[in-house]
Amino acid sequence: MTAIAHPEVRDQDQQATQEPPAHRAVSQGPDWRDETGAQTAEYGIVTLAAVGFAGVLAVILAGADVQGLLLGIVQDALSFG
């Protein structure tokens, strides 16, 4: 009785013994065309930029000069006449 290998096992064995075609270069480094996770990284960078901008804005608005200007704008807007 002969044992017959599962087709996937035979394919893996054949792929392991075959050399890559001559027109295909063997990968020596990262594949820069692979964009897996690119959107997640972009969202992370944009979020960090937004948090940094909010921090700078909070420091600016906490200053006494800016608070005085904002208070003057609100008082002018709410005053009648």
PDB file of N, CA and C in Angstrom:
ATOM      1  N   MET A   1       0.844  -1.177   0.000  1.00  0.00           N
ATOM      2  CA  MET A   1       0.000   0.000   0.000  1.00  0.00           C
ATOM      3  C   MET A   1       0.894   1.246   0.000  1.00  0.00           C
ATOM      4  N   THR A   2       0.635   2.151  -0.888  1.00  0.00           N
ATOM      5  CA  THR A   2       1.434   3.372  -0.978  1.00  0.00           C
ATOM      6  C   THR A   2       0.717   4.517  -0.283  1.00  0.00           C
ATOM      7  N   ALA A   3       1.494   5.333   0.405  1.00  0.00           N
ATOM      8  CA  ALA A   3       0.933   6.500   1.077  1.00  0.00           C
ATOM      9  C   ALA A   3       0.934   7.669   0.098  1.00  0.00           C
ATOM     10  N   ILE A   4      -0.189   8.304   0.002  1.00  0.00           N
ATOM     11  CA  ILE A   4      -0.308   9.458  -0.887  1.00  0.00           C
ATOM     12  C   ILE A   4      -0.312  10.709  -0.013  1.00  0.00           C
ATOM     13  N   ALA A   5       0.597  11.623  -0.318  1.00  0.00           N
ATOM     14  CA  ALA A   5       0.698  12.857   0.464  1.00  0.00           C
ATOM     15  C   ALA A   5      -0.452  13.790   0.100  1.00  0.00           C
ATOM     16  N   HIS A   6      -0.872  14.530   1.078  1.00  0.00           N
ATOM     17  CA  HIS A   6      -1.917  15.532   0.875  1.00  0.00           C
ATOM     18  C   HIS A   6      -1.412  16.547  -0.160  1.00  0.00           C
ATOM     19  N   PRO A   7      -2.281  17.069  -1.042  1.00  0.00           N
ATOM     20  CA  PRO A   7      -1.829  17.992  -2.100  1.00  0.00           C
ATOM     21  C   PRO A   7      -1.074  19.213  -1.569  1.00  0.00           C
ATOM     22  N   GLU A   8      -1.507  19.773  -0.429  1.00  0.00           N
ATOM     23  CA  GLU A   8      -0.822  20.942   0.108  1.00  0.00           C
ATOM     24  C   GLU A   8       0.593  20.601   0.537  1.00  0.00           C
ATOM     25  N   VAL A   9       0.767  19.404   1.105  1.00  0.00           N
ATOM     26  CA  VAL A   9       2.100  18.980   1.539  1.00  0.00           C
ATOM     27  C   VAL A   9       2.996  18.798   0.330  1.00  0.00           C
ATOM     28  N   ARG A  10       2.463  18.196  -0.739  1.00  0.00           N
ATOM     29  CA  ARG A  10       3.262  18.035  -1.961  1.00  0.00           C
ATOM     30  C   ARG A  10       3.649  19.381  -2.539  1.00  0.00           C
ATOM     31  N   ASP A  11       2.720  20.342  -2.550  1.00  0.00           N
ATOM     32  CA  ASP A  11       3.017  21.670  -3.083  1.00  0.00           C
ATOM     33  C   ASP A  11       4.109  22.359  -2.266  1.00  0.00           C
ATOM     34  N   GLN A  12       4.049  22.225  -0.947  1.00  0.00           N
ATOM     35  CA  GLN A  12       5.062  22.837  -0.093  1.00  0.00           C
ATOM     36  C   GLN A  12       6.422  22.208  -0.351  1.00  0.00           C
ATOM     37  N   ASP A  13       6.458  20.887  -0.507  1.00  0.00           N
ATOM     38  CA  ASP A  13       7.723  20.211  -0.782  1.00  0.00           C
ATOM     39  C   ASP A  13       8.294  20.661  -2.114  1.00  0.00           C
ATOM     40  N   GLN A  14       7.460  20.801  -3.125  1.00  0.00           N
ATOM     41  CA  GLN A  14       7.927  21.226  -4.437  1.00  0.00           C
ATOM     42  C   GLN A  14       8.414  22.675  -4.392  1.00  0.00           C
ATOM     43  N   GLN A  15       7.701  23.522  -3.661  1.00  0.00           N
ATOM     44  CA  GLN A  15       8.110  24.919  -3.579  1.00  0.00           C
ATOM     45  C   GLN A  15       9.435  25.054  -2.843  1.00  0.00           C
ATOM     46  N   ALA A  16       9.647  24.251  -1.838  1.00  0.00           N
ATOM     47  CA  ALA A  16      10.882  24.327  -1.066  1.00  0.00           C
ATOM     48  C   ALA A  16      12.084  23.899  -1.898  1.00  0.00           C
ATOM     49  N   THR A  17      11.906  22.944  -2.814  1.00  0.00           N
ATOM     50  CA  THR A  17      13.034  22.448  -3.592  1.00  0.00           C
ATOM     51  C   THR A  17      13.273  23.260  -4.851  1.00  0.00           C
ATOM     52  N   GLN A  18      12.267  24.001  -5.314  1.00  0.00           N
ATOM     53  CA  GLN A  18      12.432  24.786  -6.532  1.00  0.00           C
ATOM     54  C   GLN A  18      13.105  26.110  -6.221  1.00  0.00           C
ATOM     55  N   GLU A  19      13.942  26.564  -7.146  1.00  0.00           N
ATOM     56  CA  GLU A  19      14.573  27.870  -6.991  1.00  0.00           C
ATOM     57  C   GLU A  19      13.649  28.940  -7.572  1.00  0.00           C
ATOM     58  N   PRO A  20      13.770  30.160  -7.089  1.00  0.00           N
ATOM     59  CA  PRO A  20      12.911  31.218  -7.630  1.00  0.00           C
ATOM     60  C   PRO A  20      13.238  31.468  -9.097  1.00  0.00           C
ATOM     61  N   PRO A  21      12.270  31.908  -9.883  1.00  0.00           N
ATOM     62  CA  PRO A  21      12.526  32.194 -11.293  1.00  0.00           C
ATOM     63  C   PRO A  21      13.616  33.253 -11.456  1.00  0.00           C
ATOM     64  N   ALA A  22      14.291  33.240 -12.577  1.00  0.00           N
ATOM     65  CA  ALA A  22      15.412  34.144 -12.808  1.00  0.00           C
ATOM     66  C   ALA A  22      14.974  35.604 -12.859  1.00  0.00           C
ATOM     67  N   HIS A  23      13.749  35.867 -13.299  1.00  0.00           N
ATOM     68  CA  HIS A  23      13.299  37.252 -13.421  1.00  0.00           C
ATOM     69  C   HIS A  23      12.886  37.855 -12.086  1.00  0.00           C
ATOM     70  N   ARG A  24      12.796  37.055 -11.048  1.00  0.00           N
ATOM     71  CA  ARG A  24      12.400  37.525  -9.733  1.00  0.00           C
ATOM     72  C   ARG A  24      13.615  37.611  -8.827  1.00  0.00           C
ATOM     73  N   ALA A  25      13.835  38.769  -8.224  1.00  0.00           N
ATOM     74  CA  ALA A  25      14.967  38.921  -7.306  1.00  0.00           C
ATOM     75  C   ALA A  25      14.591  38.374  -5.941  1.00  0.00           C
ATOM     76  N   VAL A  26      15.570  37.809  -5.268  1.00  0.00           N
ATOM     77  CA  VAL A  26      15.355  37.291  -3.925  1.00  0.00           C
ATOM     78  C   VAL A  26      15.329  38.480  -2.971  1.00  0.00           C
ATOM     79  N   SER A  27      14.331  38.532  -2.097  1.00  0.00           N
ATOM     80  CA  SER A  27      14.158  39.661  -1.184  1.00  0.00           C
ATOM     81  C   SER A  27      15.307  39.724  -0.192  1.00  0.00           C
ATOM     82  N   GLN A  28      15.956  40.869  -0.119  1.00  0.00           N
ATOM     83  CA  GLN A  28      17.058  41.065   0.813  1.00  0.00           C
ATOM     84  C   GLN A  28      16.681  42.015   1.956  1.00  0.00           C
ATOM     85  N   GLY A  29      15.548  42.671   1.853  1.00  0.00           N
ATOM     86  CA  GLY A  29      15.145  43.638   2.874  1.00  0.00           C
ATOM     87  C   GLY A  29      13.640  43.745   2.926  1.00  0.00           C
ATOM     88  N   PRO A  30      13.153  44.782   3.603  1.00  0.00           N
ATOM     89  CA  PRO A  30      11.705  44.950   3.721  1.00  0.00           C
ATOM     90  C   PRO A  30      11.067  45.262   2.368  1.00  0.00           C
ATOM     91  N   ASP A  31       9.837  44.833   2.225  1.00  0.00           N
ATOM     92  CA  ASP A  31       9.078  45.107   1.009  1.00  0.00           C
ATOM     93  C   ASP A  31       8.354  46.431   1.208  1.00  0.00           C
ATOM     94  N   TRP A  32       8.884  47.507   0.629  1.00  0.00           N
ATOM     95  CA  TRP A  32       8.332  48.845   0.837  1.00  0.00           C
ATOM     96  C   TRP A  32       7.005  49.027   0.131  1.00  0.00           C
ATOM     97  N   ARG A  33       6.617  48.106  -0.739  1.00  0.00           N
ATOM     98  CA  ARG A  33       5.321  48.205  -1.414  1.00  0.00           C
ATOM     99  C   ARG A  33       4.184  47.730  -0.521  1.00  0.00           C
ATOM    100  N   ASP A  34       4.513  46.982   0.518  1.00  0.00           N
ATOM    101  CA  ASP A  34       3.493  46.461   1.427  1.00  0.00           C
ATOM    102  C   ASP A  34       3.010  47.581   2.335  1.00  0.00           C
ATOM    103  N   GLU A  35       1.736  47.942   2.233  1.00  0.00           N
ATOM    104  CA  GLU A  35       1.186  49.054   3.005  1.00  0.00           C
ATOM    105  C   GLU A  35       0.319  48.574   4.171  1.00  0.00           C
ATOM    106  N   THR A  36       0.575  47.375   4.647  1.00  0.00           N
ATOM    107  CA  THR A  36      -0.186  46.839   5.766  1.00  0.00           C
ATOM    108  C   THR A  36       0.029  47.724   6.992  1.00  0.00           C
ATOM    109  N   GLY A  37      -1.045  48.203   7.581  1.00  0.00           N
ATOM    110  CA  GLY A  37      -0.978  49.028   8.783  1.00  0.00           C
ATOM    111  C   GLY A  37      -0.707  50.494   8.520  1.00  0.00           C
ATOM    112  N   ALA A  38      -0.674  50.916   7.263  1.00  0.00           N
ATOM    113  CA  ALA A  38      -0.360  52.310   6.952  1.00  0.00           C
ATOM    114  C   ALA A  38      -1.427  53.254   7.494  1.00  0.00           C
ATOM    115  N   GLN A  39      -2.676  52.896   7.359  1.00  0.00           N
ATOM    116  CA  GLN A  39      -3.737  53.778   7.853  1.00  0.00           C
ATOM    117  C   GLN A  39      -3.671  53.917   9.363  1.00  0.00           C
ATOM    118  N   THR A  40      -3.391  52.838  10.059  1.00  0.00           N
ATOM    119  CA  THR A  40      -3.306  52.896  11.514  1.00  0.00           C
ATOM    120  C   THR A  40      -2.178  53.822  11.934  1.00  0.00           C
ATOM    121  N   ALA A  41      -1.049  53.747  11.261  1.00  0.00           N
ATOM    122  CA  ALA A  41       0.081  54.622  11.581  1.00  0.00           C
ATOM    123  C   ALA A  41      -0.275  56.084  11.288  1.00  0.00           C
ATOM    124  N   GLU A  42      -0.967  56.315  10.181  1.00  0.00           N
ATOM    125  CA  GLU A  42      -1.353  57.683   9.844  1.00  0.00           C
ATOM    126  C   GLU A  42      -2.311  58.252  10.890  1.00  0.00           C
ATOM    127  N   TYR A  43      -3.264  57.458  11.338  1.00  0.00           N
ATOM    128  CA  TYR A  43      -4.190  57.927  12.376  1.00  0.00           C
ATOM    129  C   TYR A  43      -3.429  58.233  13.663  1.00  0.00           C
ATOM    130  N   GLY A  44      -2.467  57.399  13.988  1.00  0.00           N
ATOM    131  CA  GLY A  44      -1.665  57.637  15.194  1.00  0.00           C
ATOM    132  C   GLY A  44      -0.881  58.927  15.113  1.00  0.00           C
ATOM    133  N   ILE A  45      -0.274  59.204  13.967  1.00  0.00           N
ATOM    134  CA  ILE A  45       0.511  60.425  13.800  1.00  0.00           C
ATOM    135  C   ILE A  45      -0.391  61.657  13.856  1.00  0.00           C
ATOM    136  N   VAL A  46      -1.541  61.588  13.193  1.00  0.00           N
ATOM    137  CA  VAL A  46      -2.470  62.722  13.216  1.00  0.00           C
ATOM    138  C   VAL A  46      -2.990  62.964  14.634  1.00  0.00           C
ATOM    139  N   THR A  47      -3.261  61.901  15.365  1.00  0.00           N
ATOM    140  CA  THR A  47      -3.736  62.043  16.747  1.00  0.00           C
ATOM    141  C   THR A  47      -2.667  62.708  17.615  1.00  0.00           C
ATOM    142  N   LEU A  48      -1.411  62.281  17.461  1.00  0.00           N
ATOM    143  CA  LEU A  48      -0.334  62.893  18.239  1.00  0.00           C
ATOM    144  C   LEU A  48      -0.168  64.374  17.880  1.00  0.00           C
ATOM    145  N   ALA A  49      -0.296  64.700  16.603  1.00  0.00           N
ATOM    146  CA  ALA A  49      -0.194  66.099  16.188  1.00  0.00           C
ATOM    147  C   ALA A  49      -1.326  66.920  16.793  1.00  0.00           C
ATOM    148  N   ALA A  50      -2.545  66.371  16.805  1.00  0.00           N
ATOM    149  CA  ALA A  50      -3.695  67.082  17.376  1.00  0.00           C
ATOM    150  C   ALA A  50      -3.517  67.298  18.878  1.00  0.00           C
ATOM    151  N   VAL A  51      -2.990  66.302  19.570  1.00  0.00           N
ATOM    152  CA  VAL A  51      -2.761  66.441  21.011  1.00  0.00           C
ATOM    153  C   VAL A  51      -1.692  67.501  21.272  1.00  0.00           C
ATOM    154  N   GLY A  52      -0.639  67.511  20.458  1.00  0.00           N
ATOM    155  CA  GLY A  52       0.404  68.526  20.618  1.00  0.00           C
ATOM    156  C   GLY A  52      -0.138  69.927  20.374  1.00  0.00           C
ATOM    157  N   PHE A  53      -0.956  70.075  19.324  1.00  0.00           N
ATOM    158  CA  PHE A  53      -1.561  71.380  19.017  1.00  0.00           C
ATOM    159  C   PHE A  53      -2.479  71.816  20.152  1.00  0.00           C
ATOM    160  N   ALA A  54      -3.250  70.899  20.702  1.00  0.00           N
ATOM    161  CA  ALA A  54      -4.150  71.230  21.813  1.00  0.00           C
ATOM    162  C   ALA A  54      -3.352  71.665  23.040  1.00  0.00           C
ATOM    163  N   GLY A  55      -2.220  71.023  23.274  1.00  0.00           N
ATOM    164  CA  GLY A  55      -1.378  71.413  24.410  1.00  0.00           C
ATOM    165  C   GLY A  55      -0.829  72.819  24.254  1.00  0.00           C
ATOM    166  N   VAL A  56      -0.351  73.132  23.035  1.00  0.00           N
ATOM    167  CA  VAL A  56       0.165  74.480  22.769  1.00  0.00           C
ATOM    168  C   VAL A  56      -0.957  75.507  22.911  1.00  0.00           C
ATOM    169  N   LEU A  57      -2.117  75.196  22.386  1.00  0.00           N
ATOM    170  CA  LEU A  57      -3.257  76.105  22.474  1.00  0.00           C
ATOM    171  C   LEU A  57      -3.667  76.325  23.930  1.00  0.00           C
ATOM    172  N   ALA A  58      -3.640  75.282  24.739  1.00  0.00           N
ATOM    173  CA  ALA A  58      -4.000  75.416  26.152  1.00  0.00           C
ATOM    174  C   ALA A  58      -3.020  76.323  26.884  1.00  0.00           C
ATOM    175  N   VAL A  59      -1.731  76.197  26.558  1.00  0.00           N
ATOM    176  CA  VAL A  59      -0.723  77.057  27.203  1.00  0.00           C
ATOM    177  C   VAL A  59      -0.933  78.511  26.795  1.00  0.00           C
ATOM    178  N   ILE A  60      -1.224  78.729  25.517  1.00  0.00           N
ATOM    179  CA  ILE A  60      -1.435  80.102  25.029  1.00  0.00           C
ATOM    180  C   ILE A  60      -2.672  80.711  25.678  1.00  0.00           C
ATOM    181  N   LEU A  61      -3.765  79.958  25.729  1.00  0.00           N
ATOM    182  CA  LEU A  61      -5.006  80.494  26.284  1.00  0.00           C
ATOM    183  C   LEU A  61      -4.950  80.680  27.795  1.00  0.00           C
ATOM    184  N   ALA A  62      -3.997  80.019  28.458  1.00  0.00           N
ATOM    185  CA  ALA A  62      -3.885  80.159  29.913  1.00  0.00           C
ATOM    186  C   ALA A  62      -3.175  81.459  30.304  1.00  0.00           C
ATOM    187  N   GLY A  63      -2.556  82.126  29.352  1.00  0.00           N
ATOM    188  CA  GLY A  63      -1.853  83.383  29.651  1.00  0.00           C
ATOM    189  C   GLY A  63      -2.833  84.493  30.000  1.00  0.00           C
ATOM    190  N   ALA A  64      -2.396  85.401  30.871  1.00  0.00           N
ATOM    191  CA  ALA A  64      -3.260  86.493  31.351  1.00  0.00           C
ATOM    192  C   ALA A  64      -3.622  87.452  30.223  1.00  0.00           C
ATOM    193  N   ASP A  65      -2.695  87.725  29.320  1.00  0.00           N
ATOM    194  CA  ASP A  65      -2.972  88.662  28.221  1.00  0.00           C
ATOM    195  C   ASP A  65      -4.078  88.134  27.321  1.00  0.00           C
ATOM    196  N   VAL A  66      -3.995  86.881  26.977  1.00  0.00           N
ATOM    197  CA  VAL A  66      -4.987  86.280  26.084  1.00  0.00           C
ATOM    198  C   VAL A  66      -6.341  86.210  26.775  1.00  0.00           C
ATOM    199  N   GLN A  67      -6.344  85.888  28.053  1.00  0.00           N
ATOM    200  CA  GLN A  67      -7.606  85.838  28.786  1.00  0.00           C
ATOM    201  C   GLN A  67      -8.259  87.211  28.833  1.00  0.00           C
ATOM    202  N   GLY A  68      -7.460  88.257  28.993  1.00  0.00           N
ATOM    203  CA  GLY A  68      -7.995  89.616  28.991  1.00  0.00           C
ATOM    204  C   GLY A  68      -8.592  89.977  27.637  1.00  0.00           C
ATOM    205  N   LEU A  69      -7.909  89.595  26.548  1.00  0.00           N
ATOM    206  CA  LEU A  69      -8.442  89.866  25.210  1.00  0.00           C
ATOM    207  C   LEU A  69      -9.757  89.123  24.980  1.00  0.00           C
ATOM    208  N   LEU A  70      -9.794  87.862  25.364  1.00  0.00           N
ATOM    209  CA  LEU A  70     -11.018  87.071  25.182  1.00  0.00           C
ATOM    210  C   LEU A  70     -12.162  87.630  26.019  1.00  0.00           C
ATOM    211  N   LEU A  71     -11.866  88.040  27.239  1.00  0.00           N
ATOM    212  CA  LEU A  71     -12.895  88.624  28.115  1.00  0.00           C
ATOM    213  C   LEU A  71     -13.441  89.916  27.488  1.00  0.00           C
ATOM    214  N   GLY A  72     -12.561  90.732  26.916  1.00  0.00           N
ATOM    215  CA  GLY A  72     -12.987  91.967  26.257  1.00  0.00           C
ATOM    216  C   GLY A  72     -13.888  91.680  25.059  1.00  0.00           C
ATOM    217  N   ILE A  73     -13.546  90.663  24.278  1.00  0.00           N
ATOM    218  CA  ILE A  73     -14.365  90.284  23.102  1.00  0.00           C
ATOM    219  C   ILE A  73     -15.752  89.834  23.545  1.00  0.00           C
ATOM    220  N   VAL A  74     -15.815  89.018  24.591  1.00  0.00           N
ATOM    221  CA  VAL A  74     -17.107  88.509  25.075  1.00  0.00           C
ATOM    222  C   VAL A  74     -17.937  89.659  25.663  1.00  0.00           C
ATOM    223  N   GLN A  75     -17.299  90.556  26.413  1.00  0.00           N
ATOM    224  CA  GLN A  75     -18.048  91.682  27.009  1.00  0.00           C
ATOM    225  C   GLN A  75     -18.580  92.606  25.903  1.00  0.00           C
ATOM    226  N   ASP A  76     -17.797  92.855  24.868  1.00  0.00           N
ATOM    227  CA  ASP A  76     -18.269  93.697  23.755  1.00  0.00           C
ATOM    228  C   ASP A  76     -19.429  93.035  23.029  1.00  0.00           C
ATOM    229  N   ALA A  77     -19.367  91.722  22.877  1.00  0.00           N
ATOM    230  CA  ALA A  77     -20.424  91.003  22.154  1.00  0.00           C
ATOM    231  C   ALA A  77     -21.713  91.000  22.946  1.00  0.00           C
ATOM    232  N   LEU A  78     -21.620  90.974  24.274  1.00  0.00           N
ATOM    233  CA  LEU A  78     -22.817  90.889  25.106  1.00  0.00           C
ATOM    234  C   LEU A  78     -23.377  92.257  25.518  1.00  0.00           C
ATOM    235  N   SER A  79     -22.647  93.300  25.268  1.00  0.00           N
ATOM    236  CA  SER A  79     -23.116  94.636  25.689  1.00  0.00           C
ATOM    237  C   SER A  79     -24.107  95.174  24.664  1.00  0.00           C
ATOM    238  N   PHE A  80     -25.075  95.901  25.170  1.00  0.00           N
ATOM    239  CA  PHE A  80     -26.097  96.519  24.298  1.00  0.00           C
ATOM    240  C   PHE A  80     -25.781  97.991  24.141  1.00  0.00           C
ATOM    241  N   GLY A  81     -25.811  98.453  22.932  1.00  0.00           N
ATOM    242  CA  GLY A  81     -25.717  99.871  22.708  1.00  0.00           C
ATOM    243  C   GLY A  81     -24.394 100.344  22.455  1.00  0.00           C
TER     244      GLY A  81
END
